[in-house]
Amino acid sequence: MTAALDAATLRVLLESGDPPRLIDVRTPGEFETAHLPGSRNVPLDLLREHRDEVRAHLDERAVLLCASGQRAETAGRLLAEAGLPGLRVLSGGVGAWRAEGGQVTTGRPRWSLERQVRLTAGGIVLGSVVTSAVLPRAKWVAAAIGGGLTFAAVSDTCAMGSLLARLPYNRGPRTDIAAVLATLADARP
């Protein structure tokens, strides 16, 4: 089970003589846009496929991060299943860190994955409702998206987000397991 860690506590840990390793589970594109200095990018999809290999490079002191904390919680559960319980998650994610005045390294601006999901789902629902004025069965597309969003909330997974994460727009420089493991093998920040 993961433990929540607020931005102020993380700042104190990072300023200590032995800071924790920061693992950012967002997409490479999101990571490239803005990340905490010294954090390592281990995209959640890659972690799902290679959790045992990633686990071998981490210890209980690691702190998991994402945009809001939701994907980091999922990563924490995956790593706990692989034998690494007790990891910590930054509450509110990178957004909370920035809101507290925390420093981030910035790169090319991109929309967050959550924002992309909202745009895509909202666009499909709006389009199907408007289309249903002419083709009444189109309303079922909106119902399917609503059902998918409900399932995503209950299951804490998001198929649409997983699909959007694979788009070239969301890809960054490190998307293969060899490159990710190489960054994890580097000395601690």
Protein backbone atom coordinates (compact mmCIF):
# COMPACT_ATOMS: atom_id res chain seq x y z
CA MET A 1 0.00 0.00 0.00
CA THR A 2 1.29 3.46 -0.85
CA ALA A 3 1.51 6.28 1.65
CA ALA A 4 0.62 9.86 0.76
CA LEU A 5 3.33 12.48 0.98
CA ASP A 6 2.59 16.20 0.69
CA ALA A 7 4.76 18.67 -1.22
CA ALA A 8 6.15 20.32 1.92
CA THR A 9 7.30 16.98 3.35
CA LEU A 10 8.84 15.99 0.03
CA ARG A 11 10.77 19.27 -0.06
CA VAL A 12 12.24 18.50 3.38
CA LEU A 13 13.21 14.98 2.26
CA LEU A 14 14.84 16.32 -0.91
CA GLU A 15 16.88 18.83 1.09
CA SER A 16 18.14 16.14 3.45
CA GLY A 17 21.56 14.56 3.02
CA ASP A 18 20.00 11.37 1.62
CA PRO A 19 17.10 12.34 -0.67
CA PRO A 20 14.68 9.72 -2.00
CA ARG A 21 14.65 8.63 -5.63
CA LEU A 22 11.80 10.32 -7.55
CA ILE A 23 9.97 8.14 -10.08
CA ASP A 24 7.62 9.98 -12.44
CA VAL A 25 5.13 7.60 -14.09
CA ARG A 26 3.62 10.06 -16.57
CA THR A 27 4.07 9.71 -20.32
CA PRO A 28 7.46 10.74 -21.72
CA GLY A 29 5.77 13.74 -23.36
CA GLU A 30 4.28 14.93 -20.07
CA PHE A 31 7.61 14.35 -18.32
CA GLU A 32 9.43 16.35 -20.98
CA THR A 33 6.99 19.24 -20.51
CA ALA A 34 7.72 19.66 -16.79
CA HIS A 35 9.21 17.42 -14.11
CA LEU A 36 10.84 17.65 -10.72
CA PRO A 37 14.63 18.05 -10.98
CA GLY A 38 16.37 14.71 -10.54
CA SER A 39 13.25 12.63 -11.18
CA ARG A 40 13.38 9.60 -13.44
CA ASN A 41 10.68 8.87 -16.01
CA VAL A 42 9.20 5.36 -15.87
CA PRO A 43 5.97 5.57 -17.90
CA LEU A 44 3.11 3.65 -16.28
CA ASP A 45 2.47 1.55 -19.40
CA LEU A 46 6.12 0.48 -19.43
CA LEU A 47 6.01 -0.20 -15.70
CA ARG A 48 2.98 -2.46 -16.18
CA GLU A 49 4.86 -4.56 -18.74
CA HIS A 50 8.23 -4.64 -16.92
CA ARG A 51 7.43 -4.15 -13.24
CA ASP A 52 9.85 -6.82 -11.98
CA GLU A 53 12.75 -5.32 -13.94
CA VAL A 54 11.90 -1.82 -12.67
CA ARG A 55 11.40 -3.08 -9.13
CA ALA A 56 14.97 -4.40 -9.09
CA HIS A 57 16.22 -0.79 -9.37
CA LEU A 58 14.09 0.69 -6.59
CA ASP A 59 13.82 0.56 -2.83
CA GLU A 60 11.14 1.51 -0.28
CA ARG A 61 12.38 5.08 -0.11
CA ALA A 62 11.31 5.90 -3.68
CA VAL A 63 8.59 8.49 -4.18
CA LEU A 64 6.16 8.02 -7.07
CA LEU A 65 4.83 11.04 -8.96
CA CYS A 66 2.40 11.82 -11.76
CA ALA A 67 0.17 14.73 -12.70
CA SER A 68 -2.36 14.31 -9.86
CA GLY A 69 -1.37 11.20 -7.90
CA GLN A 70 -3.78 8.72 -9.50
CA ARG A 71 -1.31 7.02 -11.88
CA ALA A 72 1.34 7.05 -9.15
CA GLU A 73 -1.08 5.15 -6.88
CA THR A 74 -1.55 2.58 -9.64
CA ALA A 75 2.22 2.28 -10.01
CA GLY A 76 2.51 1.81 -6.25
CA ARG A 77 0.04 -1.08 -6.33
CA LEU A 78 1.92 -2.70 -9.23
CA LEU A 79 5.25 -2.42 -7.42
CA ALA A 80 3.72 -3.70 -4.17
CA GLU A 81 2.52 -6.78 -6.08
CA ALA A 82 6.14 -7.19 -7.27
CA GLY A 83 7.41 -7.22 -3.68
CA LEU A 84 8.03 -3.53 -2.98
CA PRO A 85 5.38 -2.41 -0.48
CA GLY A 86 5.34 0.88 1.38
CA LEU A 87 6.24 3.25 -1.44
CA ARG A 88 5.16 6.87 -1.10
CA VAL A 89 3.12 8.92 -3.57
CA LEU A 90 3.24 12.70 -3.90
CA SER A 91 -0.31 13.84 -3.07
CA GLY A 92 -1.66 16.01 -5.83
CA GLY A 93 1.29 15.13 -8.04
CA VAL A 94 3.41 17.59 -9.97
CA GLY A 95 0.50 20.05 -9.94
CA ALA A 96 0.55 20.23 -6.14
CA TRP A 97 4.34 20.52 -6.16
CA ARG A 98 4.14 23.51 -8.50
CA ALA A 99 1.28 25.08 -6.51
CA GLU A 100 3.52 24.95 -3.41
CA GLY A 101 6.23 26.81 -5.30
CA GLY A 102 8.34 23.75 -5.99
CA GLN A 103 10.93 23.95 -8.75
CA VAL A 104 10.39 22.06 -12.01
CA THR A 105 12.49 21.54 -15.08
CA THR A 106 10.49 22.59 -18.12
CA GLY A 107 10.66 21.66 -21.78
CA ARG A 108 8.29 21.62 -24.72
CA PRO A 109 4.74 22.49 -23.53
CA ARG A 110 2.05 19.82 -24.03
CA TRP A 111 -1.42 19.20 -22.72
CA SER A 112 -1.61 16.77 -19.80
CA LEU A 113 -3.01 13.32 -20.50
CA GLU A 114 -6.02 14.03 -18.28
CA ARG A 115 -6.81 17.15 -20.30
CA GLN A 116 -6.50 15.18 -23.55
CA VAL A 117 -8.95 12.56 -22.21
CA ARG A 118 -11.44 15.29 -21.24
CA LEU A 119 -11.19 16.86 -24.71
CA THR A 120 -11.53 13.55 -26.55
CA ALA A 121 -14.39 12.20 -24.41
CA GLY A 122 -16.20 15.54 -24.41
CA GLY A 123 -15.79 15.94 -28.16
CA ILE A 124 -17.17 12.46 -28.84
CA VAL A 125 -20.13 13.00 -26.50
CA LEU A 126 -20.92 16.43 -27.96
CA GLY A 127 -20.59 15.16 -31.53
CA SER A 128 -22.79 12.13 -30.92
CA VAL A 129 -25.50 14.17 -29.15
CA VAL A 130 -25.58 16.71 -32.00
CA THR A 131 -25.57 13.90 -34.57
CA SER A 132 -28.43 12.17 -32.73
CA ALA A 133 -30.73 15.00 -33.86
CA VAL A 134 -30.44 13.50 -37.36
CA LEU A 135 -29.45 9.92 -36.53
CA PRO A 136 -31.16 8.99 -33.23
CA ARG A 137 -28.95 5.93 -32.66
CA ALA A 138 -25.89 8.17 -32.35
CA LYS A 139 -26.92 8.84 -28.74
CA TRP A 140 -25.58 5.37 -27.90
CA VAL A 141 -22.06 6.53 -28.70
CA ALA A 142 -22.43 9.15 -25.95
CA ALA A 143 -23.80 6.45 -23.63
CA ALA A 144 -20.80 4.21 -24.38
CA ILE A 145 -18.35 7.01 -23.58
CA GLY A 146 -20.25 7.73 -20.35
CA GLY A 147 -20.09 4.05 -19.46
CA GLY A 148 -16.38 3.97 -20.22
CA LEU A 149 -15.72 7.00 -18.03
CA THR A 150 -17.75 5.44 -15.21
CA PHE A 151 -15.79 2.20 -15.51
CA ALA A 152 -12.54 4.19 -15.57
CA ALA A 153 -13.46 5.87 -12.29
CA VAL A 154 -14.52 2.63 -10.58
CA SER A 155 -11.59 0.55 -11.82
CA ASP A 156 -8.99 3.33 -11.56
CA THR A 157 -7.91 2.60 -15.15
CA CYS A 158 -8.49 4.56 -18.33
CA ALA A 159 -8.46 2.84 -21.70
CA MET A 160 -8.79 6.17 -23.52
CA GLY A 161 -5.83 7.58 -21.59
CA SER A 162 -3.76 4.50 -22.40
CA LEU A 163 -4.56 4.88 -26.10
CA LEU A 164 -3.82 8.62 -26.10
CA ALA A 165 -0.51 7.99 -24.30
CA ARG A 166 0.64 5.98 -27.33
CA LEU A 167 0.14 8.86 -29.78
CA PRO A 168 3.32 10.44 -31.18
CA TYR A 169 2.33 13.72 -29.48
CA ASN A 170 2.79 12.08 -26.07
CA ARG A 171 5.98 10.24 -26.82
CA GLY A 172 9.25 11.62 -25.64
CA PRO A 173 12.87 10.64 -25.99
CA ARG A 174 12.79 7.57 -23.68
CA THR A 175 10.08 5.03 -24.36
CA ASP A 176 11.84 1.66 -24.34
CA ILE A 177 12.67 -0.45 -21.30
CA ALA A 178 16.42 -0.49 -21.95
CA ALA A 179 16.63 3.31 -21.83
CA VAL A 180 14.44 3.51 -18.72
CA LEU A 181 16.50 0.88 -16.89
CA ALA A 182 19.70 2.69 -17.88
CA THR A 183 18.45 5.90 -16.25
CA LEU A 184 17.43 3.99 -13.14
CA ALA A 185 20.86 2.36 -12.95
CA ASP A 186 22.53 5.80 -12.83
CA ALA A 187 23.65 7.01 -9.42
CA ARG A 188 21.06 8.61 -7.18
CA PRO A 189 20.51 12.35 -7.68
